[in-house]
Amino acid sequence: MNGADQIYREHLERGVFAIQHCGGCGGFVFYPRYLCPACGSSDLAFEEVCGKGTVYAATVARRRPDRGGDYSICIVQLDEGPRMTSRIDGIPPEEVHIGMAVQSVITKDDGDEEAGPYIVFQPAGES
């Protein structure tokens, strides 16, 4: 692992959710890249984001109970613009729905020492 992906993961290791921001067009970029997909600029810098978003698409992955049970797979549109694939924790996967407000959480899979921290989402509190 090197480059932009490594920098993204180093931020997560420090407990910071940061994605790239383009100095050329002003857009945010996710998944980490070397060039902005909107304008082609290489002026990409990591910037901490609020971690809030909205469920754009969702499905339920079925798994036997002895292997952890069912879980959600979703695409979340971040408030900053980009979409990312993740899962929603904290509620049954059948309750995840399109349009649901969510908040990111940095987590680490305790069962895999090789896996680094990653982003999951939880339902956002009522405002």
Protein backbone atom coordinates (compact mmCIF):
# COMPACT_ATOMS: atom_id res chain seq x y z
CA MET A 1 0.00 0.00 0.00
CA ASN A 2 1.36 3.41 -0.91
CA GLY A 3 0.42 6.88 -2.01
CA ALA A 4 -3.04 8.34 -1.52
CA ASP A 5 -4.54 5.12 -0.11
CA GLN A 6 -1.81 4.93 2.53
CA ILE A 7 -2.38 8.55 3.56
CA TYR A 8 -6.14 7.88 3.86
CA ARG A 9 -5.46 4.86 6.10
CA GLU A 10 -2.93 6.76 8.22
CA HIS A 11 -5.63 9.35 8.95
CA LEU A 12 -8.00 6.55 10.05
CA GLU A 13 -5.27 5.12 12.30
CA ARG A 14 -5.16 8.53 14.03
CA GLY A 15 -8.95 8.55 14.39
CA VAL A 16 -9.57 11.11 11.64
CA PHE A 17 -11.98 10.65 8.72
CA ALA A 18 -10.38 12.67 5.93
CA ILE A 19 -10.95 12.54 2.19
CA GLN A 20 -9.33 14.41 -0.65
CA HIS A 21 -10.36 17.94 -1.59
CA CYS A 22 -9.47 19.25 -5.05
CA GLY A 23 -7.74 22.62 -5.22
CA GLY A 24 -8.61 22.82 -8.91
CA CYS A 25 -12.40 22.54 -8.90
CA GLY A 26 -13.19 22.58 -5.18
CA GLY A 27 -14.86 19.15 -5.15
CA PHE A 28 -14.30 16.35 -2.68
CA VAL A 29 -12.97 13.01 -3.93
CA PHE A 30 -13.39 9.48 -2.63
CA TYR A 31 -11.81 6.80 -3.20
CA PRO A 32 -8.25 8.22 -2.82
CA ARG A 33 -6.70 9.04 -6.20
CA TYR A 34 -3.83 10.86 -7.83
CA LEU A 35 -5.99 12.98 -10.13
CA CYS A 36 -9.40 14.59 -9.60
CA PRO A 37 -12.00 12.66 -11.61
CA ALA A 38 -13.98 15.87 -12.22
CA CYS A 39 -11.28 18.22 -13.55
CA GLY A 40 -8.07 16.18 -13.86
CA SER A 41 -6.13 18.31 -11.38
CA SER A 42 -3.39 16.71 -9.30
CA ASP A 43 -3.93 19.36 -6.58
CA LEU A 44 -5.57 16.96 -4.11
CA ALA A 45 -5.14 17.42 -0.36
CA PHE A 46 -6.68 15.44 2.49
CA GLU A 47 -9.23 17.33 4.55
CA GLU A 48 -11.19 16.18 7.60
CA VAL A 49 -14.91 15.79 6.89
CA CYS A 50 -17.94 15.82 9.18
CA GLY A 51 -18.76 12.16 8.52
CA LYS A 52 -22.47 12.80 8.00
CA GLY A 53 -24.32 11.43 5.04
CA THR A 54 -27.47 9.90 3.61
CA VAL A 55 -28.12 6.31 2.55
CA TYR A 56 -28.21 6.36 -1.26
CA ALA A 57 -28.73 2.60 -1.78
CA ALA A 58 -28.99 -0.38 0.56
CA THR A 59 -29.32 -4.14 0.60
CA VAL A 60 -29.09 -6.95 3.15
CA ALA A 61 -26.29 -9.51 2.96
CA ARG A 62 -27.52 -12.82 4.30
CA ARG A 63 -25.17 -14.83 6.48
CA ARG A 64 -25.65 -17.79 8.79
CA PRO A 65 -26.05 -16.84 12.47
CA ASP A 66 -22.90 -18.78 13.42
CA ARG A 67 -20.95 -16.58 10.97
CA GLY A 68 -22.27 -13.30 12.41
CA GLY A 69 -25.76 -13.08 10.96
CA ASP A 70 -27.16 -10.72 8.37
CA TYR A 71 -25.69 -7.27 7.82
CA SER A 72 -26.37 -4.22 5.67
CA ILE A 73 -24.38 -3.16 2.64
CA CYS A 74 -25.00 0.38 1.51
CA ILE A 75 -23.83 3.30 -0.52
CA VAL A 76 -23.72 6.48 1.53
CA GLN A 77 -23.63 9.91 -0.05
CA LEU A 78 -21.44 12.05 2.19
CA ASP A 79 -22.59 15.59 2.94
CA GLU A 80 -19.44 16.74 1.10
CA GLY A 81 -20.63 15.02 -2.10
CA PRO A 82 -18.81 11.73 -2.77
CA ARG A 83 -20.44 8.35 -2.31
CA MET A 84 -18.82 5.45 -0.51
CA THR A 85 -19.72 1.81 0.04
CA SER A 86 -19.98 0.73 3.67
CA ARG A 87 -22.44 -0.79 6.12
CA ILE A 88 -24.84 0.52 8.74
CA ASP A 89 -24.34 -0.72 12.30
CA GLY A 90 -26.56 -0.19 15.32
CA ILE A 91 -29.90 -1.28 13.82
CA PRO A 92 -31.20 -4.46 12.16
CA PRO A 93 -30.17 -4.46 8.47
CA GLU A 94 -33.82 -4.65 7.39
CA GLU A 95 -34.42 -1.20 8.96
CA VAL A 96 -31.81 0.56 6.82
CA HIS A 97 -33.58 2.60 4.15
CA ILE A 98 -32.79 4.99 1.34
CA GLY A 99 -32.75 8.58 2.57
CA MET A 100 -31.74 7.63 6.14
CA ALA A 101 -29.42 10.14 7.80
CA VAL A 102 -26.23 8.47 9.06
CA GLN A 103 -23.02 9.36 10.88
CA SER A 104 -19.61 7.76 10.30
CA VAL A 105 -17.69 5.81 12.91
CA ILE A 106 -14.11 4.63 12.60
CA THR A 107 -13.93 0.98 13.63
CA LYS A 108 -11.54 -1.95 13.50
CA ASP A 109 -12.47 -5.60 13.04
CA ASP A 110 -11.28 -7.26 16.24
CA GLY A 111 -11.21 -10.66 14.51
CA ASP A 112 -8.56 -9.70 11.96
CA GLU A 113 -5.26 -8.31 13.20
CA GLU A 114 -4.19 -7.50 9.62
CA ALA A 115 -7.22 -5.29 8.93
CA GLY A 116 -6.75 -1.64 9.68
CA PRO A 117 -9.47 0.75 10.79
CA TYR A 118 -12.31 1.49 8.39
CA ILE A 119 -15.48 3.55 8.16
CA VAL A 120 -18.95 2.23 9.04
CA PHE A 121 -22.07 4.27 9.64
CA GLN A 122 -24.74 4.44 12.32
CA PRO A 123 -28.15 6.09 12.20
CA ALA A 124 -27.79 9.79 12.95
CA GLY A 125 -29.58 11.10 16.02
CA GLU A 126 -32.79 13.05 15.71
CA SER A 127 -32.21 16.78 15.28
